[in-house]
Amino acid sequence: MSHIEVASPSRPAPGQRVEMAPAIQDTYPEDVAHCYGCGRLNDVGHQIKTRLAGDETITEFTPETYHTAIPGFAYGGLVASIIDCHSTGSAAIFQMQHAGKTVGSELSPRFVTVHLEVDYLLPTPLSEFRLVGRLVEIKGRKVVVETELSVNGTVTATGSAVLVEIPEHLFDPKA
C-alpha cells in the first residue's frame, strides 16, 4: 500500500511502545468506506490514514513512481486528491472532538467536500508527503480545514476545504 501510519508528530525511541490513536478512516461506516483516496475498503485506492496529533491532524503518504507528472515529481491531481481526503478525515476528527467524542469510541461522521482550493507552491517531489491539517471553523454540519502538504520539511502545496457532514439517513438502505 502507498501509506505510512503515524503514531505522533514525534518519533518514539527504538523499542519504545507507542499507543496509536486509530485513524479516522478506520472508523468510517462500511457503506461509506470506499473512497479512492481514503476508503479502507477500496483495495486499489490510496487508503490514507489521518490521525489527531495535538490540535492538528497528520497524514503521511508515499507516492508510487506511477504518480509521476515529470520525472521525480508528483502530478497535481494526486496532490489535490490527497489534500481533499486528508481534509475530509480532518473534518470528521475535528467534529468528533468538538462534540466531546474520541476517535474510535464509535463510528465516525462522514464528510464530503463542497469547496476545495489548492495552491501549488512548488513542484512536489515523489517522496513521502506529510500533511498537517488545522481547524479553521465549525458551524453545525460545516467544517473548514486548512492543510499544508510538505516533503522533507518544505511546503509544496496548501489547501483550504469546506466540508459538510453527510446526514446518516442518506446511507440507510431502509430510508
N, C-alpha and C. Protein backbone atom coordinates (compact mmCIF):
# COMPACT_ATOMS: atom_id res chain seq x y z
N MET A 1 0.83 -1.19 0.00
CA MET A 1 0.00 0.00 0.00
C MET A 1 0.87 1.24 0.00
N SER A 2 0.29 2.35 -0.39
CA SER A 2 1.01 3.60 -0.51
C SER A 2 0.77 4.51 0.68
N HIS A 3 0.88 4.00 1.87
CA HIS A 3 0.71 4.88 3.02
C HIS A 3 1.62 4.46 4.16
N ILE A 4 1.88 5.42 5.01
CA ILE A 4 2.65 5.18 6.21
C ILE A 4 1.81 5.67 7.37
N GLU A 5 1.66 4.87 8.39
CA GLU A 5 0.87 5.26 9.54
C GLU A 5 1.74 6.02 10.52
N VAL A 6 1.18 7.05 11.14
CA VAL A 6 1.90 7.92 12.04
C VAL A 6 1.38 7.74 13.45
N ALA A 7 2.26 7.56 14.42
CA ALA A 7 1.85 7.44 15.81
C ALA A 7 1.66 8.82 16.44
N SER A 8 2.55 9.72 16.18
CA SER A 8 2.51 11.06 16.75
C SER A 8 3.45 11.94 15.96
N PRO A 9 3.41 13.28 16.21
CA PRO A 9 4.30 14.15 15.47
C PRO A 9 5.77 13.88 15.79
N SER A 10 6.09 13.32 16.95
CA SER A 10 7.48 12.99 17.26
C SER A 10 7.66 11.48 17.17
N ARG A 11 8.84 11.07 16.81
CA ARG A 11 9.13 9.65 16.64
C ARG A 11 9.51 9.04 17.99
N PRO A 12 9.03 7.82 18.29
CA PRO A 12 9.41 7.16 19.54
C PRO A 12 10.86 6.67 19.47
N ALA A 13 11.43 6.46 20.64
CA ALA A 13 12.77 5.88 20.71
C ALA A 13 12.69 4.43 20.26
N PRO A 14 13.77 3.88 19.72
CA PRO A 14 13.75 2.47 19.30
C PRO A 14 13.31 1.57 20.46
N GLY A 15 12.38 0.68 20.18
CA GLY A 15 11.88 -0.26 21.16
C GLY A 15 10.81 0.31 22.08
N GLN A 16 10.56 1.63 22.02
CA GLN A 16 9.55 2.24 22.87
C GLN A 16 8.17 1.90 22.33
N ARG A 17 7.28 1.46 23.22
CA ARG A 17 5.91 1.12 22.83
C ARG A 17 5.08 2.40 22.77
N VAL A 18 4.40 2.60 21.67
CA VAL A 18 3.60 3.80 21.48
C VAL A 18 2.15 3.39 21.29
N GLU A 19 1.26 4.04 22.00
CA GLU A 19 -0.16 3.79 21.82
C GLU A 19 -0.65 4.72 20.71
N MET A 20 -1.10 4.13 19.60
CA MET A 20 -1.52 4.93 18.46
C MET A 20 -3.03 5.14 18.49
N ALA A 21 -3.42 6.36 18.25
CA ALA A 21 -4.83 6.64 18.09
C ALA A 21 -5.27 5.99 16.79
N PRO A 22 -6.50 5.51 16.74
CA PRO A 22 -6.95 4.93 15.47
C PRO A 22 -7.04 6.00 14.38
N ALA A 23 -6.81 5.59 13.16
CA ALA A 23 -7.01 6.50 12.04
C ALA A 23 -8.51 6.69 11.86
N ILE A 24 -8.91 7.91 11.56
CA ILE A 24 -10.34 8.19 11.40
C ILE A 24 -10.94 7.34 10.29
N GLN A 25 -10.18 7.07 9.23
CA GLN A 25 -10.71 6.30 8.10
C GLN A 25 -11.06 4.87 8.52
N ASP A 26 -10.41 4.36 9.57
CA ASP A 26 -10.72 3.01 10.05
C ASP A 26 -12.01 2.97 10.85
N THR A 27 -12.60 4.14 11.11
CA THR A 27 -13.86 4.21 11.86
C THR A 27 -15.03 4.67 11.00
N TYR A 28 -14.81 4.81 9.68
CA TYR A 28 -15.92 5.16 8.79
C TYR A 28 -16.90 4.00 8.72
N PRO A 29 -18.19 4.28 8.68
CA PRO A 29 -19.17 3.21 8.47
C PRO A 29 -18.86 2.48 7.14
N GLU A 30 -19.08 1.18 7.11
CA GLU A 30 -18.71 0.39 5.92
C GLU A 30 -19.37 0.87 4.64
N ASP A 31 -20.60 1.38 4.72
CA ASP A 31 -21.27 1.79 3.48
C ASP A 31 -20.70 3.07 2.89
N VAL A 32 -19.79 3.73 3.60
CA VAL A 32 -19.14 4.95 3.08
C VAL A 32 -17.62 4.87 3.26
N ALA A 33 -17.06 3.68 3.10
CA ALA A 33 -15.61 3.48 3.28
C ALA A 33 -14.96 2.98 1.99
N HIS A 34 -15.43 3.48 0.83
CA HIS A 34 -14.94 3.00 -0.46
C HIS A 34 -14.22 4.07 -1.28
N CYS A 35 -14.00 5.24 -0.72
CA CYS A 35 -13.38 6.34 -1.45
C CYS A 35 -12.01 5.92 -1.99
N TYR A 36 -11.70 6.36 -3.19
CA TYR A 36 -10.41 6.03 -3.81
C TYR A 36 -9.24 6.58 -2.99
N GLY A 37 -9.41 7.73 -2.40
CA GLY A 37 -8.32 8.33 -1.64
C GLY A 37 -8.19 7.82 -0.22
N CYS A 38 -9.32 7.59 0.45
CA CYS A 38 -9.24 7.30 1.88
C CYS A 38 -10.05 6.08 2.31
N GLY A 39 -10.71 5.41 1.40
CA GLY A 39 -11.56 4.28 1.80
C GLY A 39 -10.77 3.03 2.11
N ARG A 40 -10.94 2.53 3.31
CA ARG A 40 -10.22 1.30 3.70
C ARG A 40 -10.72 0.09 2.92
N LEU A 41 -11.91 0.18 2.32
CA LEU A 41 -12.48 -0.94 1.58
C LEU A 41 -12.21 -0.86 0.08
N ASN A 42 -11.41 0.09 -0.34
CA ASN A 42 -11.04 0.22 -1.75
C ASN A 42 -9.63 -0.35 -1.92
N ASP A 43 -9.55 -1.58 -2.40
CA ASP A 43 -8.27 -2.28 -2.49
C ASP A 43 -7.26 -1.62 -3.42
N VAL A 44 -7.70 -0.84 -4.39
CA VAL A 44 -6.76 -0.20 -5.30
C VAL A 44 -6.58 1.29 -5.00
N GLY A 45 -7.23 1.78 -3.96
CA GLY A 45 -7.13 3.19 -3.59
C GLY A 45 -5.89 3.50 -2.77
N HIS A 46 -5.76 4.75 -2.40
CA HIS A 46 -4.60 5.22 -1.62
C HIS A 46 -4.66 4.78 -0.16
N GLN A 47 -5.87 4.64 0.37
CA GLN A 47 -6.09 4.22 1.77
C GLN A 47 -5.28 5.05 2.76
N ILE A 48 -5.35 6.38 2.64
CA ILE A 48 -4.61 7.23 3.56
C ILE A 48 -5.17 7.07 4.98
N LYS A 49 -4.34 7.41 5.94
CA LYS A 49 -4.68 7.31 7.35
C LYS A 49 -4.42 8.66 8.01
N THR A 50 -5.44 9.22 8.63
CA THR A 50 -5.36 10.53 9.26
C THR A 50 -5.61 10.38 10.75
N ARG A 51 -4.74 10.99 11.54
CA ARG A 51 -4.84 10.90 13.00
C ARG A 51 -4.71 12.28 13.63
N LEU A 52 -5.31 12.41 14.80
CA LEU A 52 -5.18 13.62 15.59
C LEU A 52 -3.80 13.62 16.26
N ALA A 53 -3.12 14.77 16.21
CA ALA A 53 -1.83 14.94 16.86
C ALA A 53 -1.85 16.32 17.51
N GLY A 54 -2.19 16.36 18.79
CA GLY A 54 -2.36 17.65 19.46
C GLY A 54 -3.61 18.33 18.95
N ASP A 55 -3.47 19.53 18.44
CA ASP A 55 -4.62 20.24 17.87
C ASP A 55 -4.59 20.25 16.35
N GLU A 56 -3.78 19.37 15.77
CA GLU A 56 -3.67 19.23 14.32
C GLU A 56 -3.95 17.80 13.92
N THR A 57 -4.11 17.60 12.62
CA THR A 57 -4.24 16.25 12.08
C THR A 57 -3.03 15.97 11.19
N ILE A 58 -2.64 14.71 11.15
CA ILE A 58 -1.45 14.32 10.40
C ILE A 58 -1.79 13.13 9.50
N THR A 59 -1.32 13.21 8.26
CA THR A 59 -1.35 12.08 7.33
C THR A 59 0.02 12.03 6.67
N GLU A 60 0.56 10.84 6.55
CA GLU A 60 1.77 10.65 5.76
C GLU A 60 1.45 9.67 4.65
N PHE A 61 1.95 9.97 3.46
CA PHE A 61 1.63 9.19 2.27
C PHE A 61 2.86 9.16 1.38
N THR A 62 3.21 7.99 0.90
CA THR A 62 4.34 7.88 -0.03
C THR A 62 3.81 7.55 -1.42
N PRO A 63 3.99 8.47 -2.37
CA PRO A 63 3.50 8.21 -3.73
C PRO A 63 4.34 7.13 -4.41
N GLU A 64 3.73 6.51 -5.40
CA GLU A 64 4.40 5.49 -6.22
C GLU A 64 5.00 6.17 -7.45
N THR A 65 5.90 5.47 -8.13
CA THR A 65 6.53 6.05 -9.32
C THR A 65 5.51 6.35 -10.42
N TYR A 66 4.40 5.61 -10.45
CA TYR A 66 3.39 5.86 -11.47
C TYR A 66 2.56 7.12 -11.19
N HIS A 67 2.78 7.79 -10.07
CA HIS A 67 2.11 9.06 -9.77
C HIS A 67 2.89 10.24 -10.36
N THR A 68 3.72 9.97 -11.35
CA THR A 68 4.62 10.95 -11.94
C THR A 68 3.91 11.94 -12.87
N ALA A 69 4.32 13.20 -12.75
CA ALA A 69 3.95 14.23 -13.73
C ALA A 69 5.12 14.37 -14.69
N ILE A 70 6.24 14.75 -14.14
CA ILE A 70 7.52 14.74 -14.85
C ILE A 70 8.47 13.95 -13.96
N PRO A 71 9.52 13.38 -14.50
CA PRO A 71 10.38 12.52 -13.69
C PRO A 71 10.78 13.17 -12.35
N GLY A 72 10.48 12.44 -11.29
CA GLY A 72 10.83 12.89 -9.95
C GLY A 72 9.77 13.68 -9.22
N PHE A 73 8.67 14.02 -9.91
CA PHE A 73 7.66 14.87 -9.29
C PHE A 73 6.25 14.30 -9.47
N ALA A 74 5.41 14.52 -8.45
CA ALA A 74 4.03 14.02 -8.44
C ALA A 74 3.15 14.89 -9.33
N TYR A 75 2.15 14.26 -9.93
CA TYR A 75 1.20 15.02 -10.73
C TYR A 75 0.24 15.77 -9.81
N GLY A 76 -0.24 16.91 -10.26
CA GLY A 76 -1.06 17.79 -9.43
C GLY A 76 -2.36 17.18 -8.95
N GLY A 77 -2.96 16.30 -9.75
CA GLY A 77 -4.21 15.66 -9.34
C GLY A 77 -4.04 14.81 -8.09
N LEU A 78 -2.88 14.16 -7.96
CA LEU A 78 -2.61 13.38 -6.76
C LEU A 78 -2.51 14.32 -5.55
N VAL A 79 -1.80 15.41 -5.71
CA VAL A 79 -1.65 16.37 -4.62
C VAL A 79 -3.03 16.85 -4.16
N ALA A 80 -3.89 17.23 -5.10
CA ALA A 80 -5.23 17.70 -4.75
C ALA A 80 -6.05 16.59 -4.10
N SER A 81 -5.96 15.38 -4.63
CA SER A 81 -6.72 14.25 -4.08
C SER A 81 -6.33 13.96 -2.64
N ILE A 82 -5.03 13.95 -2.36
CA ILE A 82 -4.57 13.65 -1.01
C ILE A 82 -4.96 14.77 -0.05
N ILE A 83 -4.86 16.02 -0.48
CA ILE A 83 -5.31 17.15 0.36
C ILE A 83 -6.81 17.03 0.62
N ASP A 84 -7.58 16.70 -0.41
CA ASP A 84 -9.02 16.56 -0.28
C ASP A 84 -9.38 15.50 0.77
N CYS A 85 -8.82 14.31 0.63
CA CYS A 85 -9.16 13.22 1.55
C CYS A 85 -8.62 13.45 2.95
N HIS A 86 -7.46 14.08 3.05
CA HIS A 86 -6.95 14.45 4.38
C HIS A 86 -7.93 15.43 5.03
N SER A 87 -8.47 16.34 4.26
CA SER A 87 -9.39 17.35 4.78
C SER A 87 -10.70 16.73 5.25
N THR A 88 -11.24 15.76 4.50
CA THR A 88 -12.50 15.14 4.94
C THR A 88 -12.28 14.36 6.23
N GLY A 89 -11.15 13.66 6.32
CA GLY A 89 -10.83 12.95 7.56
C GLY A 89 -10.62 13.91 8.71
N SER A 90 -9.95 15.01 8.44
CA SER A 90 -9.71 16.02 9.48
C SER A 90 -11.03 16.60 9.97
N ALA A 91 -11.95 16.86 9.05
CA ALA A 91 -13.25 17.40 9.45
C ALA A 91 -13.96 16.45 10.40
N ALA A 92 -13.91 15.15 10.10
CA ALA A 92 -14.55 14.17 10.98
C ALA A 92 -13.90 14.17 12.36
N ILE A 93 -12.57 14.22 12.39
CA ILE A 93 -11.86 14.26 13.67
C ILE A 93 -12.24 15.51 14.46
N PHE A 94 -12.19 16.67 13.80
CA PHE A 94 -12.48 17.92 14.50
C PHE A 94 -13.94 17.98 14.97
N GLN A 95 -14.85 17.44 14.17
CA GLN A 95 -16.27 17.43 14.58
C GLN A 95 -16.47 16.53 15.79
N MET A 96 -15.83 15.35 15.78
CA MET A 96 -15.94 14.46 16.94
C MET A 96 -15.34 15.13 18.18
N GLN A 97 -14.18 15.73 18.02
CA GLN A 97 -13.52 16.41 19.13
C GLN A 97 -14.42 17.53 19.67
N HIS A 98 -15.02 18.29 18.78
CA HIS A 98 -15.92 19.38 19.14
C HIS A 98 -17.12 18.87 19.95
N ALA A 99 -17.57 17.66 19.62
CA ALA A 99 -18.71 17.04 20.31
C ALA A 99 -18.29 16.29 21.58
N GLY A 100 -16.99 16.34 21.92
CA GLY A 100 -16.51 15.67 23.11
C GLY A 100 -16.32 14.18 22.95
N LYS A 101 -16.20 13.72 21.71
CA LYS A 101 -16.04 12.30 21.43
C LYS A 101 -14.60 12.00 21.04
N THR A 102 -14.19 10.76 21.25
CA THR A 102 -12.84 10.31 20.92
C THR A 102 -12.90 9.43 19.69
N VAL A 103 -11.96 9.63 18.77
CA VAL A 103 -11.89 8.77 17.58
C VAL A 103 -11.71 7.33 18.04
N GLY A 104 -12.55 6.45 17.51
CA GLY A 104 -12.50 5.05 17.87
C GLY A 104 -13.56 4.66 18.89
N SER A 105 -14.19 5.66 19.51
CA SER A 105 -15.23 5.35 20.50
C SER A 105 -16.54 4.96 19.86
N GLU A 106 -16.70 5.31 18.59
CA GLU A 106 -17.90 4.98 17.81
C GLU A 106 -17.58 5.20 16.34
N LEU A 107 -18.50 4.81 15.47
CA LEU A 107 -18.30 5.10 14.05
C LEU A 107 -18.25 6.61 13.87
N SER A 108 -17.40 7.05 12.96
CA SER A 108 -17.22 8.49 12.78
C SER A 108 -18.25 9.05 11.82
N PRO A 109 -18.46 10.37 11.91
CA PRO A 109 -19.27 11.03 10.88
C PRO A 109 -18.49 11.02 9.58
N ARG A 110 -19.19 11.16 8.47
CA ARG A 110 -18.54 11.18 7.15
C ARG A 110 -18.81 12.52 6.51
N PHE A 111 -17.79 13.08 5.90
CA PHE A 111 -17.88 14.40 5.28
C PHE A 111 -17.64 14.32 3.79
N VAL A 112 -18.24 15.27 3.06
CA VAL A 112 -17.96 15.45 1.64
C VAL A 112 -17.47 16.88 1.44
N THR A 113 -16.71 17.06 0.40
CA THR A 113 -16.13 18.36 0.08
C THR A 113 -17.13 19.16 -0.75
N VAL A 114 -17.39 20.39 -0.32
CA VAL A 114 -18.25 21.27 -1.11
C VAL A 114 -17.43 22.36 -1.80
N HIS A 115 -16.21 22.59 -1.30
CA HIS A 115 -15.32 23.56 -1.95
C HIS A 115 -13.89 23.21 -1.57
N LEU A 116 -13.02 23.18 -2.56
CA LEU A 116 -11.61 22.89 -2.32
C LEU A 116 -10.76 23.83 -3.15
N GLU A 117 -9.82 24.50 -2.49
CA GLU A 117 -8.83 25.33 -3.18
C GLU A 117 -7.47 24.74 -2.88
N VAL A 118 -6.67 24.56 -3.91
CA VAL A 118 -5.31 24.06 -3.74
C VAL A 118 -4.36 25.06 -4.38
N ASP A 119 -3.36 25.46 -3.62
CA ASP A 119 -2.31 26.32 -4.14
C ASP A 119 -1.05 25.48 -4.26
N TYR A 120 -0.52 25.40 -5.48
CA TYR A 120 0.70 24.66 -5.75
C TYR A 120 1.85 25.64 -5.64
N LEU A 121 2.64 25.51 -4.57
CA LEU A 121 3.70 26.47 -4.30
C LEU A 121 5.01 26.10 -4.99
N LEU A 122 5.27 24.81 -5.05
CA LEU A 122 6.48 24.27 -5.67
C LEU A 122 6.14 22.91 -6.26
N PRO A 123 6.93 22.43 -7.21
CA PRO A 123 6.71 21.05 -7.65
C PRO A 123 6.88 20.11 -6.45
N THR A 124 6.04 19.08 -6.37
CA THR A 124 6.05 18.17 -5.23
C THR A 124 6.83 16.91 -5.60
N PRO A 125 7.99 16.70 -4.95
CA PRO A 125 8.79 15.52 -5.26
C PRO A 125 8.06 14.21 -4.96
N LEU A 126 8.43 13.17 -5.68
CA LEU A 126 7.88 11.82 -5.43
C LEU A 126 8.61 11.23 -4.23
N SER A 127 8.30 11.78 -3.09
CA SER A 127 8.87 11.35 -1.82
C SER A 127 7.75 11.47 -0.79
N GLU A 128 7.99 10.99 0.42
CA GLU A 128 6.92 10.96 1.42
C GLU A 128 6.28 12.33 1.61
N PHE A 129 4.94 12.38 1.47
CA PHE A 129 4.16 13.58 1.74
C PHE A 129 3.82 13.59 3.24
N ARG A 130 3.87 14.76 3.82
CA ARG A 130 3.36 14.94 5.19
C ARG A 130 2.31 16.03 5.13
N LEU A 131 1.11 15.68 5.52
CA LEU A 131 0.01 16.63 5.52
C LEU A 131 -0.35 16.98 6.96
N VAL A 132 -0.52 18.27 7.20
CA VAL A 132 -0.90 18.76 8.52
C VAL A 132 -2.16 19.59 8.33
N GLY A 133 -3.22 19.20 9.04
CA GLY A 133 -4.49 19.90 8.94
C GLY A 133 -4.78 20.70 10.19
N ARG A 134 -5.40 21.86 9.99
CA ARG A 134 -5.78 22.73 11.11
C ARG A 134 -7.24 23.15 10.94
N LEU A 135 -7.93 23.14 12.05
CA LEU A 135 -9.33 23.56 12.06
C LEU A 135 -9.40 25.08 11.93
N VAL A 136 -10.26 25.53 11.02
CA VAL A 136 -10.50 26.95 10.85
C VAL A 136 -11.83 27.32 11.49
N GLU A 137 -12.86 26.46 11.23
CA GLU A 137 -14.21 26.81 11.69
C GLU A 137 -15.10 25.57 11.73
N ILE A 138 -15.99 25.55 12.71
CA ILE A 138 -17.08 24.57 12.76
C ILE A 138 -18.36 25.36 12.96
N LYS A 139 -19.32 25.14 12.07
CA LYS A 139 -20.65 25.74 12.18
C LYS A 139 -21.67 24.68 11.82
N GLY A 140 -22.26 24.05 12.82
CA GLY A 140 -23.23 22.99 12.55
C GLY A 140 -22.57 21.83 11.84
N ARG A 141 -23.11 21.49 10.64
CA ARG A 141 -22.57 20.38 9.84
C ARG A 141 -21.37 20.79 8.98
N LYS A 142 -21.05 22.09 8.95
CA LYS A 142 -19.96 22.60 8.10
C LYS A 142 -18.67 22.72 8.91
N VAL A 143 -17.57 22.23 8.30
CA VAL A 143 -16.25 22.34 8.90
C VAL A 143 -15.30 22.89 7.83
N VAL A 144 -14.47 23.84 8.21
CA VAL A 144 -13.46 24.39 7.30
C VAL A 144 -12.08 23.97 7.83
N VAL A 145 -11.28 23.41 6.93
CA VAL A 145 -9.96 22.89 7.28
C VAL A 145 -8.92 23.49 6.34
N GLU A 146 -7.77 23.86 6.89
CA GLU A 146 -6.62 24.26 6.08
C GLU A 146 -5.56 23.18 6.22
N THR A 147 -4.91 22.86 5.10
CA THR A 147 -3.91 21.79 5.08
C THR A 147 -2.64 22.27 4.41
N GLU A 148 -1.51 21.85 4.97
CA GLU A 148 -0.21 22.05 4.34
C GLU A 148 0.34 20.69 3.96
N LEU A 149 0.83 20.58 2.73
CA LEU A 149 1.50 19.37 2.27
C LEU A 149 2.98 19.71 2.14
N SER A 150 3.83 18.94 2.83
CA SER A 150 5.26 19.18 2.73
C SER A 150 5.98 17.89 2.38
N VAL A 151 7.15 18.06 1.81
CA VAL A 151 8.05 16.95 1.51
C VAL A 151 9.42 17.37 2.05
N ASN A 152 9.97 16.52 2.89
CA ASN A 152 11.28 16.80 3.51
C ASN A 152 11.33 18.17 4.16
N GLY A 153 10.22 18.57 4.82
CA GLY A 153 10.18 19.84 5.54
C GLY A 153 9.86 21.06 4.71
N THR A 154 9.70 20.91 3.40
CA THR A 154 9.39 22.04 2.53
C THR A 154 7.93 21.97 2.11
N VAL A 155 7.15 23.02 2.39
CA VAL A 155 5.74 23.06 1.99
C VAL A 155 5.68 23.26 0.49
N THR A 156 5.02 22.33 -0.20
CA THR A 156 4.91 22.41 -1.66
C THR A 156 3.51 22.76 -2.12
N ALA A 157 2.51 22.55 -1.24
CA ALA A 157 1.13 22.87 -1.60
C ALA A 157 0.32 23.12 -0.33
N THR A 158 -0.69 23.96 -0.47
CA THR A 158 -1.62 24.20 0.62
C THR A 158 -3.04 24.03 0.10
N GLY A 159 -3.93 23.73 1.01
CA GLY A 159 -5.32 23.57 0.62
C GLY A 159 -6.24 24.16 1.65
N SER A 160 -7.37 24.63 1.17
CA SER A 160 -8.44 25.10 2.03
C SER A 160 -9.71 24.39 1.58
N ALA A 161 -10.36 23.72 2.53
CA ALA A 161 -11.54 22.92 2.16
C ALA A 161 -12.72 23.27 3.05
N VAL A 162 -13.87 23.38 2.41
CA VAL A 162 -15.14 23.49 3.12
C VAL A 162 -15.81 22.14 2.98
N LEU A 163 -16.16 21.54 4.12
CA LEU A 163 -16.69 20.18 4.13
C LEU A 163 -18.01 20.15 4.88
N VAL A 164 -18.89 19.27 4.46
CA VAL A 164 -20.20 19.16 5.09
C VAL A 164 -20.43 17.71 5.51
N GLU A 165 -20.92 17.56 6.74
CA GLU A 165 -21.23 16.23 7.25
C GLU A 165 -22.43 15.65 6.50
N ILE A 166 -22.28 14.42 6.06
CA ILE A 166 -23.37 13.74 5.36
C ILE A 166 -24.36 13.24 6.41
N PRO A 167 -25.64 13.58 6.27
CA PRO A 167 -26.63 13.05 7.22
C PRO A 167 -26.69 11.53 7.14
N GLU A 168 -26.73 10.88 8.30
CA GLU A 168 -26.73 9.41 8.38
C GLU A 168 -27.85 8.78 7.57
N HIS A 169 -29.02 9.38 7.55
CA HIS A 169 -30.17 8.77 6.88
C HIS A 169 -29.97 8.62 5.37
N LEU A 170 -29.04 9.38 4.78
CA LEU A 170 -28.80 9.26 3.34
C LEU A 170 -28.19 7.92 2.97
N PHE A 171 -27.60 7.24 3.93
CA PHE A 171 -26.97 5.94 3.66
C PHE A 171 -27.73 4.79 4.23
N ASP A 172 -28.88 5.04 4.77
CA ASP A 172 -29.71 3.97 5.33
C ASP A 172 -30.53 3.37 4.20
N PRO A 173 -30.27 2.10 3.83
CA PRO A 173 -30.99 1.50 2.70
C PRO A 173 -32.49 1.35 2.96
N LYS A 174 -32.92 1.46 4.22
CA LYS A 174 -34.35 1.35 4.55
C LYS A 174 -35.05 2.69 4.48
N ALA A 175 -34.28 3.78 4.38
CA ALA A 175 -34.89 5.12 4.39
C ALA A 175 -35.56 5.43 3.08
